[in-house]
N, C-alpha and C. Protein backbone atom coordinates (compact mmCIF):
# COMPACT_ATOMS: atom_id res chain seq x y z
N UNK A 1 0.91 -1.05 0.00
CA UNK A 1 -0.03 -0.02 -0.18
C UNK A 1 0.80 1.34 0.12
N UNK A 2 0.55 2.25 -0.68
CA UNK A 2 1.12 3.45 -0.87
C UNK A 2 0.98 4.40 0.36
N UNK A 3 1.78 5.09 0.47
CA UNK A 3 1.69 6.18 1.65
C UNK A 3 0.43 6.91 1.69
N UNK A 4 -0.05 7.28 0.28
CA UNK A 4 -1.20 8.05 0.17
C UNK A 4 -2.62 7.14 0.56
N UNK A 5 -2.44 5.72 0.47
CA UNK A 5 -3.53 4.95 0.95
C UNK A 5 -3.45 4.47 2.33
N UNK A 6 -2.49 4.94 3.07
CA UNK A 6 -2.30 4.19 4.39
C UNK A 6 -3.28 4.86 5.35
N UNK A 7 -3.85 3.84 6.12
CA UNK A 7 -4.85 4.28 7.03
C UNK A 7 -6.26 4.14 6.61
N UNK A 8 -6.42 3.91 5.35
CA UNK A 8 -7.69 3.80 4.70
C UNK A 8 -8.28 2.34 4.63
N UNK A 9 -7.52 1.50 5.06
CA UNK A 9 -7.96 0.10 4.71
C UNK A 9 -7.89 -0.29 3.39
N UNK A 10 -8.79 -1.26 2.81
CA UNK A 10 -8.73 -1.57 1.35
C UNK A 10 -9.88 -1.12 0.76
N UNK A 11 -9.53 -0.02 0.20
CA UNK A 11 -10.80 0.84 -0.68
C UNK A 11 -11.32 0.17 -1.62
N UNK A 12 -10.86 -0.91 -2.00
CA UNK A 12 -11.68 -1.94 -3.07
C UNK A 12 -12.43 -2.68 -2.40
N UNK A 13 -12.41 -3.05 -1.06
CA UNK A 13 -13.28 -3.99 -0.36
C UNK A 13 -14.05 -3.13 0.61
N UNK A 14 -15.38 -2.80 0.36
CA UNK A 14 -16.14 -1.97 1.30
C UNK A 14 -16.19 -2.62 2.75
N UNK A 15 -16.00 -3.88 2.89
CA UNK A 15 -16.02 -4.45 4.20
C UNK A 15 -14.94 -4.02 5.21
N UNK A 16 -13.86 -3.72 4.51
CA UNK A 16 -12.51 -3.52 5.07
C UNK A 16 -12.18 -2.01 4.93
N UNK A 17 -12.96 -1.05 4.30
CA UNK A 17 -12.60 0.29 4.06
C UNK A 17 -13.21 1.01 5.23
N UNK A 18 -12.06 1.47 6.20
CA UNK A 18 -12.45 2.32 7.36
C UNK A 18 -13.02 3.58 6.95
N UNK A 19 -13.05 3.95 5.84
CA UNK A 19 -13.90 5.26 5.60
C UNK A 19 -15.36 5.08 5.78
N UNK A 20 -15.80 3.84 5.47
CA UNK A 20 -17.28 3.36 5.68
C UNK A 20 -17.53 3.73 6.98
N UNK A 21 -16.86 3.05 7.97
CA UNK A 21 -17.12 3.22 9.47
C UNK A 21 -17.08 4.64 9.94
N UNK A 22 -15.94 5.39 9.68
CA UNK A 22 -16.04 6.76 9.89
C UNK A 22 -17.10 7.59 9.31
N UNK A 23 -17.40 7.33 8.23
CA UNK A 23 -18.62 8.08 7.85
C UNK A 23 -19.84 8.00 8.48
N UNK A 24 -20.14 6.47 8.86
CA UNK A 24 -21.29 6.27 9.69
C UNK A 24 -21.20 7.03 11.17
N UNK A 25 -19.99 7.07 11.60
CA UNK A 25 -19.88 7.58 13.07
C UNK A 25 -20.01 9.16 12.81
N UNK A 26 -19.61 9.64 11.78
CA UNK A 26 -19.74 11.14 11.42
C UNK A 26 -21.26 11.41 11.51
N UNK A 27 -22.02 10.59 10.78
CA UNK A 27 -23.48 10.94 10.46
C UNK A 27 -24.08 10.87 11.84
N UNK A 28 -23.70 9.84 12.56
CA UNK A 28 -24.30 9.42 13.98
C UNK A 28 -23.99 10.77 14.81
N UNK A 29 -22.66 11.36 14.83
CA UNK A 29 -22.58 12.67 15.67
C UNK A 29 -23.30 13.66 15.15
N UNK A 30 -23.47 13.93 13.82
CA UNK A 30 -24.29 15.03 13.41
C UNK A 30 -25.62 14.94 13.83
N UNK A 31 -26.35 13.60 13.64
CA UNK A 31 -27.58 13.51 13.99
C UNK A 31 -27.93 13.83 15.69
N UNK A 32 -26.90 13.36 16.40
CA UNK A 32 -26.83 13.73 17.81
C UNK A 32 -26.92 15.18 18.10
N UNK A 33 -26.01 15.69 17.50
CA UNK A 33 -25.87 17.27 17.60
C UNK A 33 -27.19 17.85 17.17
N UNK A 34 -27.83 17.63 16.16
CA UNK A 34 -29.08 18.05 15.71
C UNK A 34 -30.04 17.80 16.64
N UNK A 35 -30.27 16.68 17.15
CA UNK A 35 -31.29 16.37 18.13
C UNK A 35 -31.19 17.19 19.35
N UNK A 36 -29.76 17.38 19.94
CA UNK A 36 -29.45 18.20 21.08
C UNK A 36 -29.99 19.50 20.68
N UNK A 37 -29.66 20.12 19.58
CA UNK A 37 -30.29 21.37 19.35
C UNK A 37 -31.75 21.41 19.42
N UNK A 38 -32.38 20.74 18.77
CA UNK A 38 -33.80 20.40 18.85
C UNK A 38 -34.46 20.42 20.25
N UNK A 39 -33.73 19.57 21.14
CA UNK A 39 -34.22 19.47 22.45
C UNK A 39 -33.87 20.69 23.08
N UNK A 40 -33.00 21.50 22.73
CA UNK A 40 -32.70 22.77 23.47
C UNK A 40 -33.63 24.05 22.90
N UNK A 41 -34.46 23.46 21.84
CA UNK A 41 -35.47 24.52 21.25
C UNK A 41 -35.15 25.11 20.13
N UNK A 42 -34.04 24.81 19.49
CA UNK A 42 -33.56 25.20 18.26
C UNK A 42 -34.11 24.22 17.18
N UNK A 43 -35.20 24.54 16.59
CA UNK A 43 -35.90 23.54 15.61
C UNK A 43 -35.27 23.72 14.25
N UNK A 44 -34.68 24.43 13.79
CA UNK A 44 -34.15 24.73 12.44
C UNK A 44 -32.81 25.30 12.48
N UNK A 45 -31.83 24.52 13.14
CA UNK A 45 -30.54 25.03 13.31
C UNK A 45 -29.86 25.44 12.04
N UNK A 46 -28.80 26.65 12.01
CA UNK A 46 -28.14 27.01 10.76
C UNK A 46 -26.98 25.91 10.77
N UNK A 47 -26.25 26.10 9.60
CA UNK A 47 -25.11 25.32 9.26
C UNK A 47 -24.09 25.77 10.34
N UNK A 48 -23.85 26.84 10.75
CA UNK A 48 -22.92 27.34 11.75
C UNK A 48 -23.16 26.84 13.20
N UNK A 49 -24.47 26.69 13.49
CA UNK A 49 -24.98 26.01 14.77
C UNK A 49 -24.76 24.65 14.87
N UNK A 50 -24.99 24.13 13.62
CA UNK A 50 -24.62 22.43 13.74
C UNK A 50 -23.08 22.27 13.77
N UNK A 51 -22.29 23.03 13.13
CA UNK A 51 -20.83 22.95 12.95
C UNK A 51 -20.23 23.24 14.40
N UNK A 52 -20.83 24.19 15.19
CA UNK A 52 -20.34 24.15 16.57
C UNK A 52 -20.78 23.11 17.46
N UNK A 53 -21.97 22.79 17.30
CA UNK A 53 -22.61 21.61 18.18
C UNK A 53 -21.80 20.37 18.08
N UNK A 54 -21.69 19.96 16.75
CA UNK A 54 -21.01 18.87 16.46
C UNK A 54 -19.46 18.85 16.31
N UNK A 55 -18.84 20.08 16.48
CA UNK A 55 -17.48 20.19 16.48
C UNK A 55 -16.83 19.88 15.18
N UNK A 56 -17.49 19.95 13.96
CA UNK A 56 -16.93 19.60 12.84
C UNK A 56 -17.06 20.79 11.75
N UNK A 57 -16.29 20.82 10.67
CA UNK A 57 -16.35 21.82 9.86
C UNK A 57 -17.58 21.82 8.96
N UNK A 58 -18.02 22.97 8.43
CA UNK A 58 -19.32 22.90 7.64
C UNK A 58 -19.07 22.14 6.45
N UNK A 59 -17.88 21.86 5.94
CA UNK A 59 -17.59 20.99 4.69
C UNK A 59 -18.04 19.56 5.14
N UNK A 60 -17.84 19.16 6.14
CA UNK A 60 -18.03 17.86 6.64
C UNK A 60 -19.57 17.59 6.77
N UNK A 61 -20.33 18.47 7.31
CA UNK A 61 -21.70 18.34 7.40
C UNK A 61 -22.42 18.36 5.85
N UNK A 62 -21.93 19.06 5.04
CA UNK A 62 -22.33 19.38 3.64
C UNK A 62 -22.02 17.88 2.92
N UNK A 63 -20.69 17.39 3.09
CA UNK A 63 -20.49 16.16 2.48
C UNK A 63 -21.51 15.09 2.86
N UNK A 64 -21.92 15.07 3.95
CA UNK A 64 -22.74 14.02 4.58
C UNK A 64 -24.41 14.39 4.35
N UNK A 65 -24.61 15.66 4.54
CA UNK A 65 -26.05 16.12 4.19
C UNK A 65 -25.99 17.31 3.47
N UNK A 66 -26.13 17.35 2.03
CA UNK A 66 -25.97 18.53 1.18
C UNK A 66 -27.00 19.41 1.54
N UNK A 67 -28.22 19.00 2.29
CA UNK A 67 -29.45 19.88 2.61
C UNK A 67 -29.46 19.55 3.98
N UNK A 68 -29.58 20.84 4.86
CA UNK A 68 -29.92 20.67 6.22
C UNK A 68 -31.11 19.84 6.38
N UNK A 69 -32.17 20.00 5.69
CA UNK A 69 -33.49 19.31 5.62
C UNK A 69 -33.18 17.88 5.76
N UNK A 70 -32.30 17.34 5.04
CA UNK A 70 -31.94 15.80 4.89
C UNK A 70 -31.42 15.39 6.32
N UNK A 71 -30.84 16.08 7.00
CA UNK A 71 -30.06 15.83 8.25
C UNK A 71 -31.34 15.74 9.19
N UNK A 72 -32.27 16.69 9.14
CA UNK A 72 -33.49 16.87 9.82
C UNK A 72 -34.27 15.75 9.60
N UNK A 73 -34.43 15.23 8.46
CA UNK A 73 -35.26 14.06 7.98
C UNK A 73 -34.74 12.73 8.70
N UNK A 74 -33.34 12.67 8.61
CA UNK A 74 -32.48 11.43 9.10
C UNK A 74 -32.91 11.43 10.69
N UNK A 75 -32.82 12.56 11.32
CA UNK A 75 -33.03 12.60 12.80
C UNK A 75 -34.62 12.35 13.09
N UNK A 76 -35.62 12.76 12.21
CA UNK A 76 -36.99 12.51 12.52
C UNK A 76 -37.17 11.09 12.31
N UNK A 77 -36.48 10.50 11.43
CA UNK A 77 -36.78 9.00 11.09
C UNK A 77 -36.22 8.08 12.29
N UNK A 78 -35.28 8.50 12.71
CA UNK A 78 -34.71 7.60 13.97
C UNK A 78 -35.40 7.92 15.05
N UNK A 79 -35.84 8.89 15.43
CA UNK A 79 -36.33 9.13 16.70
C UNK A 79 -37.57 10.19 16.70
N UNK A 80 -38.55 9.86 15.89
CA UNK A 80 -39.83 10.64 15.68
C UNK A 80 -40.44 11.18 17.09
N UNK A 81 -40.77 10.21 17.92
CA UNK A 81 -41.34 10.54 19.08
C UNK A 81 -40.51 11.63 19.94
N UNK A 82 -39.32 11.40 20.17
CA UNK A 82 -38.34 12.37 20.77
C UNK A 82 -38.39 13.67 20.12
N UNK A 83 -38.48 13.85 19.00
CA UNK A 83 -38.56 14.92 18.03
C UNK A 83 -39.93 15.77 18.51
N UNK A 84 -41.07 15.05 18.44
CA UNK A 84 -42.42 15.45 18.68
C UNK A 84 -42.46 15.98 20.02
N UNK A 85 -41.68 15.05 21.03
CA UNK A 85 -42.04 15.66 22.46
C UNK A 85 -40.94 16.84 22.68
N UNK A 86 -39.92 16.87 22.04
CA UNK A 86 -39.10 18.08 22.06
C UNK A 86 -39.78 19.39 21.52
N UNK A 87 -40.56 19.30 20.33
CA UNK A 87 -41.20 20.31 19.98
C UNK A 87 -42.43 20.66 20.97
N UNK A 88 -43.01 19.74 22.00
CA UNK A 88 -43.88 20.13 22.79
C UNK A 88 -45.06 20.76 22.24
N UNK A 89 -45.59 20.13 21.29
CA UNK A 89 -46.97 20.41 20.57
C UNK A 89 -48.11 20.24 21.84
N UNK A 90 -48.41 21.22 22.59
CA UNK A 90 -49.70 21.05 23.34
C UNK A 90 -50.91 20.44 23.10
N UNK A 91 -51.22 20.80 21.74
CA UNK A 91 -52.56 20.37 21.38
C UNK A 91 -52.63 19.10 20.65
N UNK A 92 -51.35 18.49 20.65
CA UNK A 92 -51.22 17.22 19.99
C UNK A 92 -51.20 15.94 20.69
N UNK A 93 -52.12 14.93 20.59
CA UNK A 93 -52.20 13.89 21.55
C UNK A 93 -51.18 12.83 20.75
N UNK A 94 -49.86 12.82 21.32
CA UNK A 94 -48.90 11.91 20.64
C UNK A 94 -49.25 10.50 20.54
N UNK A 95 -49.97 10.16 21.76
CA UNK A 95 -50.22 8.69 21.82
C UNK A 95 -51.30 8.25 20.72
N UNK A 96 -52.07 9.13 20.17
CA UNK A 96 -53.11 9.04 19.32
C UNK A 96 -52.58 8.75 18.01
N UNK A 97 -51.22 9.12 17.72
CA UNK A 97 -50.62 9.02 16.29
C UNK A 97 -50.10 7.55 16.17
N UNK A 98 -50.38 7.12 15.04
CA UNK A 98 -49.64 5.83 14.54
C UNK A 98 -48.11 6.21 14.33
N UNK A 99 -47.32 5.00 14.22
CA UNK A 99 -45.96 5.34 14.05
C UNK A 99 -45.78 5.98 12.72
N UNK A 100 -46.43 5.61 11.82
CA UNK A 100 -46.46 6.38 10.28
C UNK A 100 -46.66 7.75 10.55
N UNK A 101 -47.61 7.91 11.28
CA UNK A 101 -47.92 9.52 11.52
C UNK A 101 -46.85 10.28 12.21
N UNK A 102 -46.48 9.54 13.31
CA UNK A 102 -45.22 10.16 14.05
C UNK A 102 -44.14 10.50 13.33
N UNK A 103 -43.64 9.58 12.34
CA UNK A 103 -42.56 9.73 11.40
C UNK A 103 -42.90 11.00 10.32
N UNK A 104 -44.13 10.78 9.85
CA UNK A 104 -44.42 11.89 8.90
C UNK A 104 -44.37 13.34 9.31
N UNK A 105 -44.98 13.51 10.74
CA UNK A 105 -45.12 14.62 11.18
C UNK A 105 -43.70 15.25 11.66
N UNK A 106 -42.85 14.33 12.30
CA UNK A 106 -41.46 14.77 12.70
C UNK A 106 -40.69 15.14 11.47
N UNK A 107 -40.83 14.26 10.38
CA UNK A 107 -40.13 14.52 9.14
C UNK A 107 -40.47 15.98 8.60
N UNK A 108 -41.73 16.30 8.35
CA UNK A 108 -42.28 17.47 7.98
C UNK A 108 -41.92 18.53 8.82
N UNK A 109 -41.76 18.61 10.26
CA UNK A 109 -41.54 19.66 11.01
C UNK A 109 -39.80 19.65 10.97
N UNK A 110 -39.09 18.87 10.76
CA UNK A 110 -37.77 19.00 10.72
C UNK A 110 -37.16 19.12 9.50
N UNK A 111 -37.80 18.64 8.31
CA UNK A 111 -37.34 18.63 6.89
C UNK A 111 -37.71 19.88 6.35
N UNK A 112 -38.76 20.52 7.04
CA UNK A 112 -39.42 21.50 6.28
C UNK A 112 -40.06 21.18 4.99
N UNK A 113 -40.83 19.96 5.09
CA UNK A 113 -41.61 19.50 3.93
C UNK A 113 -42.96 19.50 4.37
N UNK A 114 -43.82 19.20 3.25
CA UNK A 114 -45.29 19.08 3.61
C UNK A 114 -45.51 17.83 3.78
N UNK A 115 -46.66 17.52 4.58
CA UNK A 115 -47.30 16.13 4.92
C UNK A 115 -47.90 15.63 3.49
N UNK A 116 -47.60 14.42 3.30
CA UNK A 116 -48.21 13.78 1.99
C UNK A 116 -49.75 13.41 2.38
N UNK A 117 -50.09 13.17 3.59
CA UNK A 117 -51.29 12.71 4.09
C UNK A 117 -51.72 13.36 5.25
N UNK A 118 -53.12 13.20 5.64
CA UNK A 118 -53.52 13.93 6.94
C UNK A 118 -52.92 13.05 8.10
N UNK A 119 -52.91 13.75 9.34
CA UNK A 119 -52.42 12.94 10.48
C UNK A 119 -53.54 13.14 11.31
N UNK A 120 -53.84 11.88 12.05
CA UNK A 120 -54.59 11.66 13.16
C UNK A 120 -54.69 12.75 14.27
N UNK A 121 -56.01 13.01 14.55
CA UNK A 121 -56.08 14.06 15.81
C UNK A 121 -56.29 13.46 17.01
C-alpha cells in the first residue's frame, strides 16, 4: 500500500474500508448534535450552529447532508417521538398518532416539507 492509501483500509473492499465506518460515525454524531439542538428549542439550526454543536467543519456536514433538511429528516426518521416531544406541541395527543404519522409529522417539521397525508387528531 502506498503512503497515500495508508490508514484507509482496502478501498476496493467495502467491508474493510475504514472510511465507511468513519462516515457512519460522523453521520451519527451529526444526528446527535441536531437532536440536541432540537431538544434545546432550536428546531431549525443553521449550518454554523450545527458546526459548533458537532465540532466539525461545515464542509463535513455538507459532505454527509447536502441539505440541512436531509439531516433533519434523518433525525426524524430515527427518533420521531423524541422530536415531537421536544417540540412540545400541547394540542397534539402523541399517543393517538400511529408510528407512520409520528414519522411523517416529525419529518415534515424538521425537514421543512409538507405532509403527504393527513395526520390523526
